[in-house]
C-alpha atoms as a PDB file:
ATOM      1  CA  MET A   1     -32.452  45.920  79.574  1.00  0.00           C
ATOM      2  CA  LYS A   2     -30.306  43.367  77.751  1.00  0.00           C
ATOM      3  CA  MET A   3     -30.721  41.938  74.264  1.00  0.00           C
ATOM      4  CA  LEU A   4     -29.637  38.468  73.133  1.00  0.00           C
ATOM      5  CA  PHE A   5     -29.106  37.730  69.442  1.00  0.00           C
ATOM      6  CA  THR A   6     -28.802  33.996  68.997  1.00  0.00           C
ATOM      7  CA  ASP A   7     -28.203  31.844  65.968  1.00  0.00           C
ATOM      8  CA  LEU A   8     -30.459  28.781  65.728  1.00  0.00           C
ATOM      9  CA  ASP A   9     -28.817  25.709  64.212  1.00  0.00           C
ATOM     10  CA  ASP A  10     -25.915  24.372  66.295  1.00  0.00           C
ATOM     11  CA  THR A  11     -26.293  27.273  68.753  1.00  0.00           C
ATOM     12  CA  LEU A  12     -29.708  27.684  70.377  1.00  0.00           C
ATOM     13  CA  LEU A  13     -31.020  24.396  68.981  1.00  0.00           C
ATOM     14  CA  ASN A  14     -29.744  20.993  70.070  1.00  0.00           C
ATOM     15  CA  ASN A  15     -28.791  18.215  67.675  1.00  0.00           C
ATOM     16  CA  GLN A  16     -32.462  17.323  67.269  1.00  0.00           C
ATOM     17  CA  SER A  17     -33.117  20.891  66.036  1.00  0.00           C
ATOM     18  CA  GLN A  18     -35.096  21.662  69.185  1.00  0.00           C
ATOM     19  CA  VAL A  19     -34.952  24.161  72.039  1.00  0.00           C
ATOM     20  CA  SER A  20     -34.301  21.920  75.034  1.00  0.00           C
ATOM     21  CA  PRO A  21     -36.384  22.293  78.233  1.00  0.00           C
ATOM     22  CA  GLU A  22     -33.305  23.654  80.040  1.00  0.00           C
ATOM     23  CA  THR A  23     -32.654  26.285  77.367  1.00  0.00           C
ATOM     24  CA  LYS A  24     -36.368  27.173  77.248  1.00  0.00           C
ATOM     25  CA  ALA A  25     -36.312  27.750  81.021  1.00  0.00           C
ATOM     26  CA  PHE A  26     -33.439  30.205  80.590  1.00  0.00           C
ATOM     27  CA  LEU A  27     -35.217  32.066  77.768  1.00  0.00           C
ATOM     28  CA  ASP A  28     -38.407  32.305  79.818  1.00  0.00           C
ATOM     29  CA  GLU A  29     -36.482  33.820  82.736  1.00  0.00           C
ATOM     30  CA  PHE A  30     -34.531  36.169  80.449  1.00  0.00           C
ATOM     31  CA  LEU A  31     -37.706  37.534  78.860  1.00  0.00           C
ATOM     32  CA  ALA A  32     -39.598  37.714  82.166  1.00  0.00           C
ATOM     33  CA  ASP A  33     -36.851  40.033  83.429  1.00  0.00           C
ATOM     34  CA  GLY A  34     -37.800  42.533  80.682  1.00  0.00           C
ATOM     35  CA  ASN A  35     -35.005  41.700  78.254  1.00  0.00           C
ATOM     36  CA  ARG A  36     -35.264  41.258  74.481  1.00  0.00           C
ATOM     37  CA  LEU A  37     -34.619  38.113  72.431  1.00  0.00           C
ATOM     38  CA  VAL A  38     -33.667  38.034  68.744  1.00  0.00           C
ATOM     39  CA  LEU A  39     -33.691  34.723  66.874  1.00  0.00           C
ATOM     40  CA  SER A  40     -31.015  35.417  64.257  1.00  0.00           C
ATOM     41  CA  SER A  41     -30.633  32.886  61.457  1.00  0.00           C
ATOM     42  CA  GLY A  42     -29.768  32.287  57.852  1.00  0.00           C
ATOM     43  CA  ARG A  43     -33.141  30.577  57.610  1.00  0.00           C
ATOM     44  CA  PRO A  44     -36.029  32.422  55.889  1.00  0.00           C
ATOM     45  CA  LEU A  45     -38.586  34.150  58.079  1.00  0.00           C
ATOM     46  CA  MET A  46     -41.310  31.490  58.190  1.00  0.00           C
ATOM     47  CA  SER A  47     -38.766  28.837  59.150  1.00  0.00           C
ATOM     48  CA  VAL A  48     -37.511  30.993  62.042  1.00  0.00           C
ATOM     49  CA  MET A  49     -41.146  31.570  63.006  1.00  0.00           C
ATOM     50  CA  GLU A  50     -41.701  27.798  63.052  1.00  0.00           C
ATOM     51  CA  VAL A  51     -38.814  27.364  65.505  1.00  0.00           C
ATOM     52  CA  LYS A  52     -40.265  30.092  67.724  1.00  0.00           C
ATOM     53  CA  GLU A  53     -43.734  28.526  67.757  1.00  0.00           C
ATOM     54  CA  LEU A  54     -42.523  24.954  68.346  1.00  0.00           C
ATOM     55  CA  ALA A  55     -40.409  26.201  71.261  1.00  0.00           C
ATOM     56  CA  GLY A  56     -43.450  27.850  72.844  1.00  0.00           C
ATOM     57  CA  LEU A  57     -41.878  31.308  72.803  1.00  0.00           C
ATOM     58  CA  HIS A  58     -44.974  33.512  72.912  1.00  0.00           C
ATOM     59  CA  GLN A  59     -43.816  36.260  75.278  1.00  0.00           C
ATOM     60  CA  PRO A  60     -43.540  39.922  74.271  1.00  0.00           C
ATOM     61  CA  GLY A  61     -40.114  41.257  73.371  1.00  0.00           C
ATOM     62  CA  ILE A  62     -39.134  38.757  70.662  1.00  0.00           C
ATOM     63  CA  PHE A  63     -37.764  39.712  67.248  1.00  0.00           C
ATOM     64  CA  LEU A  64     -36.735  37.580  64.274  1.00  0.00           C
ATOM     65  CA  SER A  65     -33.674  38.373  62.175  1.00  0.00           C
ATOM     66  CA  ALA A  66     -34.077  36.096  59.159  1.00  0.00           C
ATOM     67  CA  SER A  67     -32.114  35.336  55.997  1.00  0.00           C
ATOM     68  CA  ASN A  68     -28.849  36.565  57.555  1.00  0.00           C
ATOM     69  CA  GLY A  69     -30.299  39.808  58.848  1.00  0.00           C
ATOM     70  CA  THR A  70     -31.810  40.871  55.540  1.00  0.00           C
ATOM     71  CA  ARG A  71     -35.284  40.739  57.094  1.00  0.00           C
ATOM     72  CA  VAL A  72     -36.131  41.850  60.635  1.00  0.00           C
ATOM     73  CA  TYR A  73     -39.562  41.027  62.034  1.00  0.00           C
ATOM     74  CA  ASP A  74     -41.235  42.474  65.132  1.00  0.00           C
ATOM     75  CA  CYS A  75     -43.319  39.661  66.653  1.00  0.00           C
ATOM     76  CA  ASP A  76     -45.258  42.034  68.924  1.00  0.00           C
ATOM     77  CA  ARG A  77     -46.343  44.248  66.021  1.00  0.00           C
ATOM     78  CA  LYS A  78     -46.554  41.300  63.613  1.00  0.00           C
ATOM     79  CA  ARG A  79     -44.737  43.004  60.785  1.00  0.00           C
ATOM     80  CA  THR A  80     -41.426  43.280  58.984  1.00  0.00           C
ATOM     81  CA  ILE A  81     -39.597  46.418  60.078  1.00  0.00           C
ATOM     82  CA  ARG A  82     -36.498  46.155  57.861  1.00  0.00           C
ATOM     83  CA  LYS A  83     -35.796  44.337  54.616  1.00  0.00           C
ATOM     84  CA  PHE A  84     -33.079  44.142  51.970  1.00  0.00           C
ATOM     85  CA  GLY A  85     -33.754  42.479  48.616  1.00  0.00           C
ATOM     86  CA  LEU A  86     -31.647  41.267  45.698  1.00  0.00           C
ATOM     87  CA  PRO A  87     -32.507  42.852  42.322  1.00  0.00           C
ATOM     88  CA  PHE A  88     -33.762  40.398  39.712  1.00  0.00           C
ATOM     89  CA  SER A  89     -30.739  41.195  37.538  1.00  0.00           C
ATOM     90  CA  ILE A  90     -28.470  39.891  40.295  1.00  0.00           C
ATOM     91  CA  VAL A  91     -30.599  36.768  40.754  1.00  0.00           C
ATOM     92  CA  SER A  92     -30.335  36.008  37.027  1.00  0.00           C
ATOM     93  CA  TYR A  93     -26.585  36.635  36.956  1.00  0.00           C
ATOM     94  CA  LEU A  94     -25.908  34.371  39.921  1.00  0.00           C
ATOM     95  CA  GLN A  95     -28.108  31.609  38.546  1.00  0.00           C
ATOM     96  CA  ALA A  96     -26.160  31.700  35.269  1.00  0.00           C
ATOM     97  CA  GLN A  97     -22.812  31.593  37.092  1.00  0.00           C
ATOM     98  CA  ALA A  98     -23.949  28.631  39.188  1.00  0.00           C
ATOM     99  CA  ALA A  99     -25.329  26.801  36.146  1.00  0.00           C
ATOM    100  CA  ALA A 100     -21.938  27.065  34.440  1.00  0.00           C
ATOM    101  CA  LEU A 101     -20.546  24.921  37.290  1.00  0.00           C
ATOM    102  CA  SER A 102     -23.588  22.631  37.526  1.00  0.00           C
ATOM    103  CA  LEU A 103     -24.021  24.019  41.041  1.00  0.00           C
ATOM    104  CA  HIS A 104     -27.385  24.073  42.783  1.00  0.00           C
ATOM    105  CA  ILE A 105     -28.609  27.558  43.637  1.00  0.00           C
ATOM    106  CA  GLN A 106     -31.993  28.568  45.018  1.00  0.00           C
ATOM    107  CA  THR A 107     -33.850  31.619  46.200  1.00  0.00           C
ATOM    108  CA  TYR A 108     -37.050  32.472  48.062  1.00  0.00           C
ATOM    109  CA  ARG A 109     -40.382  34.193  47.916  1.00  0.00           C
ATOM    110  CA  ASP A 110     -40.148  36.610  50.830  1.00  0.00           C
ATOM    111  CA  SER A 111     -43.340  38.257  52.022  1.00  0.00           C
ATOM    112  CA  ASP A 112     -45.306  38.225  55.267  1.00  0.00           C
ATOM    113  CA  THR A 113     -47.918  35.988  53.596  1.00  0.00           C
ATOM    114  CA  ASP A 114     -46.105  33.965  50.914  1.00  0.00           C
ATOM    115  CA  ASP A 115     -42.774  32.457  51.948  1.00  0.00           C
ATOM    116  CA  ALA A 116     -41.538  29.627  49.721  1.00  0.00           C
ATOM    117  CA  ILE A 117     -38.324  28.100  48.441  1.00  0.00           C
ATOM    118  CA  VAL A 118     -37.769  28.615  44.717  1.00  0.00           C
ATOM    119  CA  SER A 119     -35.510  26.020  43.093  1.00  0.00           C
ATOM    120  CA  PRO A 120     -34.703  25.268  39.444  1.00  0.00           C
ATOM    121  CA  ALA A 121     -35.171  21.524  40.083  1.00  0.00           C
ATOM    122  CA  GLU A 122     -36.272  19.056  42.736  1.00  0.00           C
ATOM    123  CA  ASP A 123     -32.789  17.633  43.141  1.00  0.00           C
ATOM    124  CA  GLU A 124     -30.772  15.979  45.896  1.00  0.00           C
ATOM    125  CA  GLU A 125     -29.758  19.344  47.323  1.00  0.00           C
ATOM    126  CA  ILE A 126     -33.284  20.646  47.766  1.00  0.00           C
ATOM    127  CA  GLN A 127     -34.392  17.375  49.347  1.00  0.00           C
ATOM    128  CA  TYR A 128     -31.538  17.617  51.853  1.00  0.00           C
ATOM    129  CA  TYR A 129     -32.288  21.267  52.606  1.00  0.00           C
ATOM    130  CA  ARG A 130     -35.981  20.638  53.246  1.00  0.00           C
ATOM    131  CA  ARG A 131     -35.279  18.136  56.007  1.00  0.00           C
ATOM    132  CA  LYS A 132     -35.096  21.170  58.342  1.00  0.00           C
ATOM    133  CA  ILE A 133     -36.674  23.959  56.302  1.00  0.00           C
ATOM    134  CA  HIS A 134     -40.338  23.067  55.961  1.00  0.00           C
ATOM    135  CA  LEU A 135     -41.454  25.750  53.529  1.00  0.00           C
ATOM    136  CA  PRO A 136     -43.482  25.181  50.351  1.00  0.00           C
ATOM    137  CA  LEU A 137     -41.377  24.416  47.281  1.00  0.00           C
ATOM    138  CA  VAL A 138     -41.809  26.127  43.918  1.00  0.00           C
ATOM    139  CA  ILE A 139     -39.945  24.655  40.945  1.00  0.00           C
ATOM    140  CA  SER A 140     -38.999  27.188  38.281  1.00  0.00           C
ATOM    141  CA  GLU A 141     -36.242  26.588  35.731  1.00  0.00           C
ATOM    142  CA  ASN A 142     -35.736  30.354  35.621  1.00  0.00           C
ATOM    143  CA  LEU A 143     -35.808  31.527  39.246  1.00  0.00           C
ATOM    144  CA  CYS A 144     -37.013  35.033  38.464  1.00  0.00           C
ATOM    145  CA  ASP A 145     -40.126  33.693  36.716  1.00  0.00           C
ATOM    146  CA  ALA A 146     -41.452  32.549  40.103  1.00  0.00           C
ATOM    147  CA  LEU A 147     -40.729  35.807  41.943  1.00  0.00           C
ATOM    148  CA  THR A 148     -43.071  38.747  42.440  1.00  0.00           C
ATOM    149  CA  GLU A 149     -40.682  40.837  44.542  1.00  0.00           C
ATOM    150  CA  GLU A 150     -36.969  40.968  45.241  1.00  0.00           C
ATOM    151  CA  PRO A 151     -35.818  37.981  47.341  1.00  0.00           C
ATOM    152  CA  CYS A 152     -33.879  38.466  50.555  1.00  0.00           C
ATOM    153  CA  LYS A 153     -31.158  35.965  49.707  1.00  0.00           C
ATOM    154  CA  MET A 154     -29.914  33.153  47.511  1.00  0.00           C
ATOM    155  CA  LEU A 155     -28.306  29.938  48.655  1.00  0.00           C
ATOM    156  CA  ALA A 156     -25.785  27.811  46.763  1.00  0.00           C
ATOM    157  CA  ILE A 157     -25.615  24.203  47.965  1.00  0.00           C
ATOM    158  CA  SER A 158     -23.061  21.475  47.313  1.00  0.00           C
ATOM    159  CA  LEU A 159     -23.472  18.346  49.384  1.00  0.00           C
ATOM    160  CA  HIS A 160     -20.391  16.463  48.208  1.00  0.00           C
ATOM    161  CA  ASN A 161     -17.940  18.974  46.744  1.00  0.00           C
ATOM    162  CA  PHE A 162     -16.965  22.021  48.807  1.00  0.00           C
ATOM    163  CA  ASP A 163     -14.421  22.979  46.140  1.00  0.00           C
ATOM    164  CA  LYS A 164     -17.276  23.647  43.717  1.00  0.00           C
ATOM    165  CA  LEU A 165     -18.791  26.138  46.153  1.00  0.00           C
ATOM    166  CA  GLU A 166     -15.436  27.790  46.679  1.00  0.00           C
ATOM    167  CA  THR A 167     -14.809  27.997  42.920  1.00  0.00           C
ATOM    168  CA  PHE A 168     -18.176  29.705  42.499  1.00  0.00           C
ATOM    169  CA  ARG A 169     -17.394  32.124  45.322  1.00  0.00           C
ATOM    170  CA  ARG A 170     -14.000  33.004  43.838  1.00  0.00           C
ATOM    171  CA  ASN A 171     -15.409  33.360  40.321  1.00  0.00           C
ATOM    172  CA  ILE A 172     -17.873  36.050  41.413  1.00  0.00           C
ATOM    173  CA  ALA A 173     -15.677  37.720  44.061  1.00  0.00           C
ATOM    174  CA  ASP A 174     -14.655  40.779  42.037  1.00  0.00           C
ATOM    175  CA  TRP A 175     -18.158  41.302  40.656  1.00  0.00           C
ATOM    176  CA  ALA A 176     -19.698  40.839  44.142  1.00  0.00           C
ATOM    177  CA  GLU A 177     -17.661  43.598  45.806  1.00  0.00           C
ATOM    178  CA  GLY A 178     -20.093  46.285  46.954  1.00  0.00           C
ATOM    179  CA  LYS A 179     -23.132  44.327  45.684  1.00  0.00           C
ATOM    180  CA  VAL A 180     -23.533  41.084  47.605  1.00  0.00           C
ATOM    181  CA  ARG A 181     -21.865  39.231  50.447  1.00  0.00           C
ATOM    182  CA  THR A 182     -20.997  35.554  50.107  1.00  0.00           C
ATOM    183  CA  ILE A 183     -20.616  33.847  53.477  1.00  0.00           C
ATOM    184  CA  TYR A 184     -20.601  30.190  54.470  1.00  0.00           C
ATOM    185  CA  SER A 185     -23.158  29.014  57.027  1.00  0.00           C
ATOM    186  CA  SER A 186     -21.758  25.468  56.768  1.00  0.00           C
ATOM    187  CA  ASP A 187     -19.424  23.533  54.500  1.00  0.00           C
ATOM    188  CA  LYS A 188     -22.448  22.774  52.293  1.00  0.00           C
ATOM    189  CA  TYR A 189     -24.176  26.181  52.200  1.00  0.00           C
ATOM    190  CA  LEU A 190     -22.948  29.453  50.698  1.00  0.00           C
ATOM    191  CA  GLU A 191     -25.249  32.342  51.657  1.00  0.00           C
ATOM    192  CA  ILE A 192     -25.617  35.279  49.242  1.00  0.00           C
ATOM    193  CA  PHE A 193     -27.335  38.514  50.286  1.00  0.00           C
ATOM    194  CA  ASP A 194     -27.211  42.309  49.990  1.00  0.00           C
ATOM    195  CA  TRP A 195     -23.855  43.912  50.754  1.00  0.00           C
ATOM    196  CA  ASN A 196     -25.352  46.235  53.385  1.00  0.00           C
ATOM    197  CA  ALA A 197     -27.156  43.500  55.299  1.00  0.00           C
ATOM    198  CA  GLY A 198     -25.914  40.752  57.618  1.00  0.00           C
ATOM    199  CA  LYS A 199     -26.467  39.600  61.170  1.00  0.00           C
ATOM    200  CA  GLY A 200     -24.221  42.335  62.567  1.00  0.00           C
ATOM    201  CA  SER A 201     -26.093  44.999  60.622  1.00  0.00           C
ATOM    202  CA  SER A 202     -29.412  43.784  62.035  1.00  0.00           C
ATOM    203  CA  LEU A 203     -27.975  43.848  65.578  1.00  0.00           C
ATOM    204  CA  LEU A 204     -26.972  47.491  65.208  1.00  0.00           C
ATOM    205  CA  PHE A 205     -30.336  48.323  63.641  1.00  0.00           C
ATOM    206  CA  LEU A 206     -32.343  46.728  66.466  1.00  0.00           C
ATOM    207  CA  CYS A 207     -30.236  48.309  69.192  1.00  0.00           C
ATOM    208  CA  ASP A 208     -30.965  51.695  67.631  1.00  0.00           C
ATOM    209  CA  TYR A 209     -34.636  50.836  66.986  1.00  0.00           C
ATOM    210  CA  LEU A 210     -35.197  49.850  70.619  1.00  0.00           C
ATOM    211  CA  GLY A 211     -32.849  52.370  72.207  1.00  0.00           C
ATOM    212  CA  ILE A 212     -30.689  49.663  73.765  1.00  0.00           C
ATOM    213  CA  PRO A 213     -26.950  50.417  74.031  1.00  0.00           C
ATOM    214  CA  VAL A 214     -24.858  48.062  71.905  1.00  0.00           C
ATOM    215  CA  SER A 215     -22.825  47.431  75.047  1.00  0.00           C
ATOM    216  CA  ASP A 216     -25.905  45.693  76.501  1.00  0.00           C
ATOM    217  CA  SER A 217     -26.180  43.239  73.605  1.00  0.00           C
ATOM    218  CA  TYR A 218     -25.045  39.620  73.457  1.00  0.00           C
ATOM    219  CA  ALA A 219     -24.610  37.606  70.267  1.00  0.00           C
ATOM    220  CA  ALA A 220     -24.069  33.849  70.021  1.00  0.00           C
ATOM    221  CA  GLY A 221     -23.170  31.665  67.059  1.00  0.00           C
ATOM    222  CA  ASP A 222     -21.065  28.905  65.575  1.00  0.00           C
ATOM    223  CA  ALA A 223     -20.546  29.582  61.848  1.00  0.00           C
ATOM    224  CA  ASP A 224     -19.028  32.182  59.526  1.00  0.00           C
ATOM    225  CA  ASN A 225     -22.342  33.978  58.949  1.00  0.00           C
ATOM    226  CA  ASP A 226     -22.461  34.702  62.703  1.00  0.00           C
ATOM    227  CA  ILE A 227     -19.120  36.526  62.797  1.00  0.00           C
ATOM    228  CA  SER A 228     -20.468  39.981  61.923  1.00  0.00           C
ATOM    229  CA  MET A 229     -22.785  40.001  64.940  1.00  0.00           C
ATOM    230  CA  LEU A 230     -20.134  38.613  67.282  1.00  0.00           C
ATOM    231  CA  ASP A 231     -17.841  41.435  66.138  1.00  0.00           C
ATOM    232  CA  VAL A 232     -20.283  44.260  66.923  1.00  0.00           C
ATOM    233  CA  ALA A 233     -22.103  42.915  70.000  1.00  0.00           C
ATOM    234  CA  GLY A 234     -21.261  44.059  73.486  1.00  0.00           C
ATOM    235  CA  CYS A 235     -20.350  40.422  74.150  1.00  0.00           C
ATOM    236  CA  GLY A 236     -19.720  37.932  71.366  1.00  0.00           C
ATOM    237  CA  ILE A 237     -20.254  34.289  72.349  1.00  0.00           C
ATOM    238  CA  ALA A 238     -18.877  31.398  70.290  1.00  0.00           C
ATOM    239  CA  MET A 239     -20.195  27.923  70.924  1.00  0.00           C
ATOM    240  CA  LYS A 240     -17.805  25.186  72.013  1.00  0.00           C
ATOM    241  CA  ASN A 241     -18.763  23.460  68.738  1.00  0.00           C
ATOM    242  CA  ALA A 242     -18.042  26.592  66.661  1.00  0.00           C
ATOM    243  CA  THR A 243     -15.290  26.719  64.073  1.00  0.00           C
ATOM    244  CA  ASP A 244     -11.893  28.039  65.145  1.00  0.00           C
ATOM    245  CA  LYS A 245     -12.460  31.017  62.862  1.00  0.00           C
ATOM    246  CA  VAL A 246     -15.618  31.976  64.755  1.00  0.00           C
ATOM    247  CA  LYS A 247     -13.981  31.447  68.135  1.00  0.00           C
ATOM    248  CA  ALA A 248     -11.270  33.922  67.154  1.00  0.00           C
ATOM    249  CA  HIS A 249     -13.956  36.637  66.858  1.00  0.00           C
ATOM    250  CA  ALA A 250     -15.631  35.897  70.204  1.00  0.00           C
ATOM    251  CA  ASP A 251     -15.198  37.463  73.626  1.00  0.00           C
ATOM    252  CA  VAL A 252     -16.063  34.156  75.306  1.00  0.00           C
ATOM    253  CA  VAL A 253     -16.457  30.514  74.267  1.00  0.00           C
ATOM    254  CA  THR A 254     -19.070  28.312  75.914  1.00  0.00           C
ATOM    255  CA  ASP A 255     -17.880  25.493  78.138  1.00  0.00           C
ATOM    256  CA  LEU A 256     -20.579  23.185  76.740  1.00  0.00           C
ATOM    257  CA  ASP A 257     -21.741  22.560  73.181  1.00  0.00           C
ATOM    258  CA  ASN A 258     -25.169  23.156  71.644  1.00  0.00           C
ATOM    259  CA  ASP A 259     -26.370  19.680  72.625  1.00  0.00           C
ATOM    260  CA  GLN A 260     -25.516  20.353  76.280  1.00  0.00           C
ATOM    261  CA  ASN A 261     -27.341  23.696  76.698  1.00  0.00           C
ATOM    262  CA  GLY A 262     -24.068  25.546  76.203  1.00  0.00           C
ATOM    263  CA  LEU A 263     -25.613  28.917  75.431  1.00  0.00           C
ATOM    264  CA  ALA A 264     -27.952  28.921  78.435  1.00  0.00           C
ATOM    265  CA  ASP A 265     -25.084  27.833  80.688  1.00  0.00           C
ATOM    266  CA  MET A 266     -22.874  30.688  79.488  1.00  0.00           C
ATOM    267  CA  MET A 267     -25.626  33.300  79.669  1.00  0.00           C
ATOM    268  CA  TYR A 268     -26.368  32.374  83.285  1.00  0.00           C
ATOM    269  CA  LYS A 269     -22.675  32.895  84.056  1.00  0.00           C
ATOM    270  CA  LEU A 270     -22.518  36.239  82.248  1.00  0.00           C
ATOM    271  CA  LEU A 271     -25.728  37.615  83.751  1.00  0.00           C
ATOM    272  CA  HIS A 272     -25.179  36.479  87.305  1.00  0.00           C
END
C-alpha cells in the first residue's frame, strides 16, 4: 500500500483550480489499487472538502490534511482525528503585531460544523482571498470575539508589499520560537500555526495511524509550506513550477507543470 500526500494549489490543481480529467483518471486508478490519498493544503478543512467534492473523489481511503497539517480529517469515518489550535492569547498578540504594521491578518472558525473566515475588516485582501476560498466570512474587529474555540491557523496577507510580510515575520521571530511556525505559501500569504504541526508532521502521523511505512509515502508540492512533507516522505516530489528552494528539498522534479498534469505524469513513472 502506498500513500500520496499532495498539495492542492499549483500542484494537484491546474491553473483553473480544478482537478483535470487526466489527473482524476490517475487518482481513480491509484485509489482502486488500494492506496491512500491525502489532500494536504494550507486551506481550511471545508475548502479542501470542496475541492474533493468538485473533483468527484468519493472513494474510500481519502484523508484531508488542512490548514498546513494542523487538522487531519478521515473522510471514511467523517471526523477529525488530529488537531492543533492556537491559544487566544497568541491570536491577540499576533493581531496586535500585524496592526502595528497596518498588515491584514485573519483567522478561522475551525469545527466540523462551523468553518468560517474571521477577518477584522472586509478589505482588499479578504476579497482577493475569497476568490478561491468560498467559506462564510465573519467580520470582527477583535478576532477573538468571534471565536468559540482555538483556531488552527492565522494568515497574514499583503497583496502589494512582500517586505511588509517579511518585516512582520522578522519582528515576531524570536517570540515565535517554540510557539508558532511562520511559513510562506506564496509571496502574498504568510501562514502561522502551532510549532508542532505542519504538513510533514501530519504525514508522519498518518503513516503511523494507518501502519504504512514512511518509505511507502510520496509527497508533492510547490511552495515553502510543502517543504516539511517533502523532507520526511519516502519520495519528495517538487513540481516543475515550484520555487528553487522547494526543488532543493525534493527527490524528483516533475517534467511537466501543474497545468500539464505534471504530478500524475510523474506518479505514473514512479509507480510503473
